[in-house]
Amino acid sequence: MIDEKLARRRAHENNIARYRRLLQTRLSDVERHFIESRLAEEQTALSMLALARS
C-alpha cells in the first residue's frame, strides 16, 4: 500500500514538473489553458493524496 501511494505521489510530482516546463514554451491560448487546467488538477490530486495519508 505504501509503495502504491509513493508511486502515485511521484507520478503527480512528475506530471506537475512536466506541465510547468511546458508552460515555459510557446503555446497557443487554448494549449496554455489546457495545461494550466491539468496542472491545477495534478496539484489538487497531490494535495488530496497528502491529506489521505494524515
PDB file of N, CA and C in Angstrom:
ATOM      1  N   MET A   1       0.822  -1.199   0.000  1.00  0.00           N
ATOM      2  CA  MET A   1       0.000   0.000   0.000  1.00  0.00           C
ATOM      3  C   MET A   1       0.863   1.259   0.000  1.00  0.00           C
ATOM      4  N   ILE A   2       1.915   1.250   0.798  1.00  0.00           N
ATOM      5  CA  ILE A   2       2.805   2.410   0.850  1.00  0.00           C
ATOM      6  C   ILE A   2       3.488   2.615  -0.494  1.00  0.00           C
ATOM      7  N   ASP A   3       3.896   1.517  -1.139  1.00  0.00           N
ATOM      8  CA  ASP A   3       4.546   1.620  -2.438  1.00  0.00           C
ATOM      9  C   ASP A   3       3.609   2.224  -3.482  1.00  0.00           C
ATOM     10  N   GLU A   4       2.333   1.852  -3.407  1.00  0.00           N
ATOM     11  CA  GLU A   4       1.362   2.390  -4.353  1.00  0.00           C
ATOM     12  C   GLU A   4       1.182   3.893  -4.148  1.00  0.00           C
ATOM     13  N   LYS A   5       1.087   4.325  -2.906  1.00  0.00           N
ATOM     14  CA  LYS A   5       0.937   5.756  -2.626  1.00  0.00           C
ATOM     15  C   LYS A   5       2.181   6.526  -3.040  1.00  0.00           C
ATOM     16  N   LEU A   6       3.345   5.947  -2.807  1.00  0.00           N
ATOM     17  CA  LEU A   6       4.585   6.590  -3.217  1.00  0.00           C
ATOM     18  C   LEU A   6       4.641   6.708  -4.732  1.00  0.00           C
ATOM     19  N   ALA A   7       4.243   5.672  -5.427  1.00  0.00           N
ATOM     20  CA  ALA A   7       4.244   5.692  -6.892  1.00  0.00           C
ATOM     21  C   ALA A   7       3.266   6.747  -7.414  1.00  0.00           C
ATOM     22  N   ARG A   8       2.074   6.848  -6.797  1.00  0.00           N
ATOM     23  CA  ARG A   8       1.109   7.866  -7.222  1.00  0.00           C
ATOM     24  C   ARG A   8       1.639   9.262  -6.941  1.00  0.00           C
ATOM     25  N   ARG A   9       2.286   9.445  -5.774  1.00  0.00           N
ATOM     26  CA  ARG A   9       2.852  10.755  -5.442  1.00  0.00           C
ATOM     27  C   ARG A   9       3.910  11.158  -6.463  1.00  0.00           C
ATOM     28  N   ARG A  10       4.787  10.226  -6.779  1.00  0.00           N
ATOM     29  CA  ARG A  10       5.836  10.513  -7.762  1.00  0.00           C
ATOM     30  C   ARG A  10       5.254  10.820  -9.133  1.00  0.00           C
ATOM     31  N   ALA A  11       4.217  10.096  -9.515  1.00  0.00           N
ATOM     32  CA  ALA A  11       3.582  10.345 -10.814  1.00  0.00           C
ATOM     33  C   ALA A  11       2.999  11.759 -10.855  1.00  0.00           C
ATOM     34  N   HIS A  12       2.316  12.164  -9.785  1.00  0.00           N
ATOM     35  CA  HIS A  12       1.755  13.517  -9.736  1.00  0.00           C
ATOM     36  C   HIS A  12       2.871  14.556  -9.769  1.00  0.00           C
ATOM     37  N   GLU A  13       3.930  14.340  -9.008  1.00  0.00           N
ATOM     38  CA  GLU A  13       5.046  15.283  -8.995  1.00  0.00           C
ATOM     39  C   GLU A  13       5.699  15.385 -10.368  1.00  0.00           C
ATOM     40  N   ASN A  14       5.870  14.259 -11.044  1.00  0.00           N
ATOM     41  CA  ASN A  14       6.457  14.271 -12.389  1.00  0.00           C
ATOM     42  C   ASN A  14       5.560  15.003 -13.377  1.00  0.00           C
ATOM     43  N   ASN A  15       4.254  14.777 -13.273  1.00  0.00           N
ATOM     44  CA  ASN A  15       3.313  15.469 -14.158  1.00  0.00           C
ATOM     45  C   ASN A  15       3.340  16.972 -13.910  1.00  0.00           C
ATOM     46  N   ILE A  16       3.391  17.363 -12.648  1.00  0.00           N
ATOM     47  CA  ILE A  16       3.451  18.790 -12.308  1.00  0.00           C
ATOM     48  C   ILE A  16       4.706  19.415 -12.903  1.00  0.00           C
ATOM     49  N   ALA A  17       5.833  18.757 -12.754  1.00  0.00           N
ATOM     50  CA  ALA A  17       7.086  19.276 -13.310  1.00  0.00           C
ATOM     51  C   ALA A  17       6.995  19.390 -14.833  1.00  0.00           C
ATOM     52  N   ARG A  18       6.418  18.382 -15.484  1.00  0.00           N
ATOM     53  CA  ARG A  18       6.289  18.405 -16.942  1.00  0.00           C
ATOM     54  C   ARG A  18       5.390  19.558 -17.384  1.00  0.00           C
ATOM     55  N   TYR A  19       4.260  19.754 -16.710  1.00  0.00           N
ATOM     56  CA  TYR A  19       3.358  20.842 -17.084  1.00  0.00           C
ATOM     57  C   TYR A  19       4.011  22.205 -16.859  1.00  0.00           C
ATOM     58  N   ARG A  20       4.784  22.341 -15.788  1.00  0.00           N
ATOM     59  CA  ARG A  20       5.483  23.613 -15.557  1.00  0.00           C
ATOM     60  C   ARG A  20       6.507  23.893 -16.652  1.00  0.00           C
ATOM     61  N   ARG A  21       7.199  22.834 -17.091  1.00  0.00           N
ATOM     62  CA  ARG A  21       8.153  23.007 -18.200  1.00  0.00           C
ATOM     63  C   ARG A  21       7.421  23.406 -19.476  1.00  0.00           C
ATOM     64  N   LEU A  22       6.295  22.767 -19.735  1.00  0.00           N
ATOM     65  CA  LEU A  22       5.520  23.098 -20.934  1.00  0.00           C
ATOM     66  C   LEU A  22       5.037  24.542 -20.915  1.00  0.00           C
ATOM     67  N   LEU A  23       4.680  25.049 -19.752  1.00  0.00           N
ATOM     68  CA  LEU A  23       4.202  26.426 -19.651  1.00  0.00           C
ATOM     69  C   LEU A  23       5.289  27.444 -19.966  1.00  0.00           C
ATOM     70  N   GLN A  24       6.541  27.020 -19.954  1.00  0.00           N
ATOM     71  CA  GLN A  24       7.642  27.921 -20.281  1.00  0.00           C
ATOM     72  C   GLN A  24       7.942  27.945 -21.775  1.00  0.00           C
ATOM     73  N   THR A  25       7.165  27.193 -22.564  1.00  0.00           N
ATOM     74  CA  THR A  25       7.354  27.164 -24.009  1.00  0.00           C
ATOM     75  C   THR A  25       6.301  28.029 -24.680  1.00  0.00           C
ATOM     76  N   ARG A  26       6.447  28.178 -25.995  1.00  0.00           N
ATOM     77  CA  ARG A  26       5.459  28.941 -26.764  1.00  0.00           C
ATOM     78  C   ARG A  26       4.228  28.071 -26.980  1.00  0.00           C
ATOM     79  N   LEU A  27       3.092  28.564 -26.532  1.00  0.00           N
ATOM     80  CA  LEU A  27       1.837  27.819 -26.636  1.00  0.00           C
ATOM     81  C   LEU A  27       0.722  28.740 -27.119  1.00  0.00           C
ATOM     82  N   SER A  28      -0.249  28.137 -27.763  1.00  0.00           N
ATOM     83  CA  SER A  28      -1.445  28.905 -28.105  1.00  0.00           C
ATOM     84  C   SER A  28      -2.249  29.128 -26.819  1.00  0.00           C
ATOM     85  N   ASP A  29      -3.207  30.011 -26.887  1.00  0.00           N
ATOM     86  CA  ASP A  29      -4.054  30.264 -25.713  1.00  0.00           C
ATOM     87  C   ASP A  29      -4.802  29.010 -25.289  1.00  0.00           C
ATOM     88  N   VAL A  30      -5.273  28.250 -26.256  1.00  0.00           N
ATOM     89  CA  VAL A  30      -6.012  27.024 -25.961  1.00  0.00           C
ATOM     90  C   VAL A  30      -5.099  26.011 -25.286  1.00  0.00           C
ATOM     91  N   GLU A  31      -3.895  25.844 -25.809  1.00  0.00           N
ATOM     92  CA  GLU A  31      -2.938  24.911 -25.214  1.00  0.00           C
ATOM     93  C   GLU A  31      -2.569  25.333 -23.794  1.00  0.00           C
ATOM     94  N   ARG A  32      -2.305  26.626 -23.628  1.00  0.00           N
ATOM     95  CA  ARG A  32      -1.938  27.140 -22.304  1.00  0.00           C
ATOM     96  C   ARG A  32      -3.062  26.902 -21.304  1.00  0.00           C
ATOM     97  N   HIS A  33      -4.282  27.165 -21.699  1.00  0.00           N
ATOM     98  CA  HIS A  33      -5.428  26.962 -20.810  1.00  0.00           C
ATOM     99  C   HIS A  33      -5.545  25.488 -20.420  1.00  0.00           C
ATOM    100  N   PHE A  34      -5.396  24.601 -21.397  1.00  0.00           N
ATOM    101  CA  PHE A  34      -5.491  23.171 -21.124  1.00  0.00           C
ATOM    102  C   PHE A  34      -4.412  22.733 -20.135  1.00  0.00           C
ATOM    103  N   ILE A  35      -3.186  23.173 -20.363  1.00  0.00           N
ATOM    104  CA  ILE A  35      -2.078  22.767 -19.492  1.00  0.00           C
ATOM    105  C   ILE A  35      -2.242  23.350 -18.099  1.00  0.00           C
ATOM    106  N   GLU A  36      -2.697  24.592 -18.002  1.00  0.00           N
ATOM    107  CA  GLU A  36      -2.948  25.183 -16.687  1.00  0.00           C
ATOM    108  C   GLU A  36      -4.028  24.411 -15.931  1.00  0.00           C
ATOM    109  N   SER A  37      -5.049  23.963 -16.651  1.00  0.00           N
ATOM    110  CA  SER A  37      -6.109  23.164 -16.017  1.00  0.00           C
ATOM    111  C   SER A  37      -5.556  21.835 -15.525  1.00  0.00           C
ATOM    112  N   ARG A  38      -4.779  21.172 -16.354  1.00  0.00           N
ATOM    113  CA  ARG A  38      -4.188  19.897 -15.972  1.00  0.00           C
ATOM    114  C   ARG A  38      -3.237  20.073 -14.792  1.00  0.00           C
ATOM    115  N   LEU A  39      -2.479  21.162 -14.779  1.00  0.00           N
ATOM    116  CA  LEU A  39      -1.566  21.440 -13.676  1.00  0.00           C
ATOM    117  C   LEU A  39      -2.352  21.603 -12.370  1.00  0.00           C
ATOM    118  N   ALA A  40      -3.431  22.344 -12.427  1.00  0.00           N
ATOM    119  CA  ALA A  40      -4.268  22.535 -11.235  1.00  0.00           C
ATOM    120  C   ALA A  40      -4.845  21.205 -10.760  1.00  0.00           C
ATOM    121  N   GLU A  41      -5.275  20.370 -11.690  1.00  0.00           N
ATOM    122  CA  GLU A  41      -5.816  19.053 -11.317  1.00  0.00           C
ATOM    123  C   GLU A  41      -4.752  18.189 -10.644  1.00  0.00           C
ATOM    124  N   GLU A  42      -3.551  18.204 -11.181  1.00  0.00           N
ATOM    125  CA  GLU A  42      -2.460  17.403 -10.608  1.00  0.00           C
ATOM    126  C   GLU A  42      -2.094  17.905  -9.214  1.00  0.00           C
ATOM    127  N   GLN A  43      -2.056  19.231  -9.045  1.00  0.00           N
ATOM    128  CA  GLN A  43      -1.733  19.794  -7.741  1.00  0.00           C
ATOM    129  C   GLN A  43      -2.807  19.442  -6.714  1.00  0.00           C
ATOM    130  N   THR A  44      -4.060  19.477  -7.127  1.00  0.00           N
ATOM    131  CA  THR A  44      -5.154  19.094  -6.237  1.00  0.00           C
ATOM    132  C   THR A  44      -5.056  17.623  -5.872  1.00  0.00           C
ATOM    133  N   ALA A  45      -4.785  16.785  -6.852  1.00  0.00           N
ATOM    134  CA  ALA A  45      -4.659  15.345  -6.593  1.00  0.00           C
ATOM    135  C   ALA A  45      -3.515  15.059  -5.629  1.00  0.00           C
ATOM    136  N   LEU A  46      -2.406  15.762  -5.790  1.00  0.00           N
ATOM    137  CA  LEU A  46      -1.264  15.578  -4.903  1.00  0.00           C
ATOM    138  C   LEU A  46      -1.627  16.036  -3.490  1.00  0.00           C
ATOM    139  N   SER A  47      -2.332  17.135  -3.365  1.00  0.00           N
ATOM    140  CA  SER A  47      -2.768  17.606  -2.044  1.00  0.00           C
ATOM    141  C   SER A  47      -3.732  16.627  -1.378  1.00  0.00           C
ATOM    142  N   MET A  48      -4.647  16.096  -2.165  1.00  0.00           N
ATOM    143  CA  MET A  48      -5.600  15.134  -1.625  1.00  0.00           C
ATOM    144  C   MET A  48      -4.892  13.861  -1.177  1.00  0.00           C
ATOM    145  N   LEU A  49      -3.900  13.446  -1.908  1.00  0.00           N
ATOM    146  CA  LEU A  49      -3.135  12.274  -1.532  1.00  0.00           C
ATOM    147  C   LEU A  49      -2.398  12.516  -0.212  1.00  0.00           C
ATOM    148  N   ALA A  50      -1.859  13.713  -0.052  1.00  0.00           N
ATOM    149  CA  ALA A  50      -1.165  14.060   1.188  1.00  0.00           C
ATOM    150  C   ALA A  50      -2.140  14.090   2.365  1.00  0.00           C
ATOM    151  N   LEU A  51      -3.345  14.594   2.140  1.00  0.00           N
ATOM    152  CA  LEU A  51      -4.348  14.643   3.200  1.00  0.00           C
ATOM    153  C   LEU A  51      -4.808  13.231   3.585  1.00  0.00           C
ATOM    154  N   ALA A  52      -4.886  12.351   2.614  1.00  0.00           N
ATOM    155  CA  ALA A  52      -5.331  10.986   2.869  1.00  0.00           C
ATOM    156  C   ALA A  52      -4.315  10.240   3.727  1.00  0.00           C
ATOM    157  N   ARG A  53      -3.051  10.629   3.651  1.00  0.00           N
ATOM    158  CA  ARG A  53      -2.005   9.994   4.452  1.00  0.00           C
ATOM    159  C   ARG A  53      -2.112  10.383   5.907  1.00  0.00           C
ATOM    160  N   SER A  54      -2.617  11.584   6.159  1.00  0.00           N
ATOM    161  CA  SER A  54      -2.658  12.098   7.535  1.00  0.00           C
ATOM    162  C   SER A  54      -3.611  11.371   8.421  1.00  0.00           C
TER     163      SER A  54
END
